Amino acid sequence: MKIELHLLQNFAPSNLNRDDTGAPKDCQFGGVRRARISSQCFKRSIRQAFQVHALFGDGTKDRLAARTKRLVGEVAERLAKKGRDPALAFHLVAFTLQSATLKMKDDKTQYLLFVPRRLVGVLAELVEKRWDVLREAAPPLQPTTPALPAASEPSAEAPIEATKGSKRKGPNKAQEKAAAKDAVPKDVAAAVIAAFEDTSATPDLALFGRMIADRPDWNVDAACQVAHALSTHRATMEFDFYTAVDDLKPRDEAGSDMMGTVAYQSACFYRYSCLDVDALAANLGGTDAEEAKSLTKETLSAFLRATALAIPTGKQNSMAAQNLPSYLIAVVRTEGAPQSLANAFVQPVKASTDRSLVEASASALEAQLAKGLDLWGSKGLTVLRCGDVSAGVPGPSLLPSFAHWVDEVVATWERA
């Protein structure tokens, strides 16, 4: 079963998702320029909404995943709080993780890892339990290297061939890594690998998946696809010229002390996502069928709420574009292929004297949905809607509230 979400969200002037120049992201669609918010931006906003709104109860944060390069430091900090020497703890944790072939660079993993937050505690407990064994197996902790003298002349005590570079070759980096990996006790290495492989009951990781270049066997296929949000209409970028005045400036000095410009835009966005509920259930796992269903139901409900409540954070302190979706459609599909309704806006919509931009967008969205149902059929589909009644959408009845909409989507899944 798949559940598709189609949302219309009209943002006030804002710069929610910036490009490399600091301007709001945009793109070409339907032959005209559109405002755009990237899928990565909204996925992060959804993950943040899980925490901000405590959608998994009091222990929400601990049940979720974290994307980080600082795993070693977090584990070492846990050990330091238990009384272990911080430097030695970091050294032993980094040594232990070599068994998982994770590369380190400047005291961090070489790239971001998306791992359950509980992994920090699991690894800390493992290193604490095997502390003496790991300390014996690990190479000695090297003291900080002192600064070299300024003189460039070689020491008189150094062999001549050493100053010119010895021809004798030591082990290369690959050999050093292999040796370090093999030095980790086998039972510890197995426990580390098992800890990384256990991604069950981690809702955001189950939804959005992960890819680890050095360990493709740890990859998790995402259960959810999220499209870039596009404006339903032609979008133009504007610039805010701002100045700032020094509050302690003497009265006889005029003028501002800082000035500049900030790019922004206002747009009604079409957002689309598709959730494969069966894949979600598989990713979440569960010790039995009853627990698996409970985890899936809880995650589905939280995902629906987080998707609607997710608002990107870019420039919010300056513009406060806290605008929730105006219109929401859920298509619960047991048959057929998923269908984005973005082509409803190939022809950019326009506001008129008797119809707002949101109302015009909602009408176009419903028209595209009706065309799809006529062309491809409606077998195995349930369409559920909610939103501002003033949107003036013809035909379909709306559920009375967002809470009713969430409950009905979940109930439809349960009845299927």
Foldseek 3Di string as FASTA:
>chain_A
DKKKKKFKFWWDKDQQAADPVQAFDWDDFLNFIWGWDFQVLLLVLLVVLCVVVVLVHPCSLQLAKDWFQQLLQLLLVVLVVVPDDSLVSSQLLVLLCLLVVFPDDPSTTPGIDTFRNCLSVLSSVLCVVCVVVSCVLGDDDDDDDDDDDPDPDDDPPDDPCVVVPPPDDDDDPVVVSVVSNVSNDPVSSVSNVVSLQPPASHLSCLAQWDADPVCRVSTQDHQKDWGMKIFLAHWDKDKDKDFAADPPDDPVDDDGDDIDIHIITIGIIIIMMMGNLVSSLVSNDDPDPVRSLVSSLSSLLSSLVSSQQRGRDHCCVPPVRRITTAKMKMKQAPDDDDDDQSVLRSPRWDADPQAGNLLRSLQSSVVSVVVCCVVVNQPRIDMAMAGDVVSVHPDDDHDPDSVVRSVVVSVVVVVD
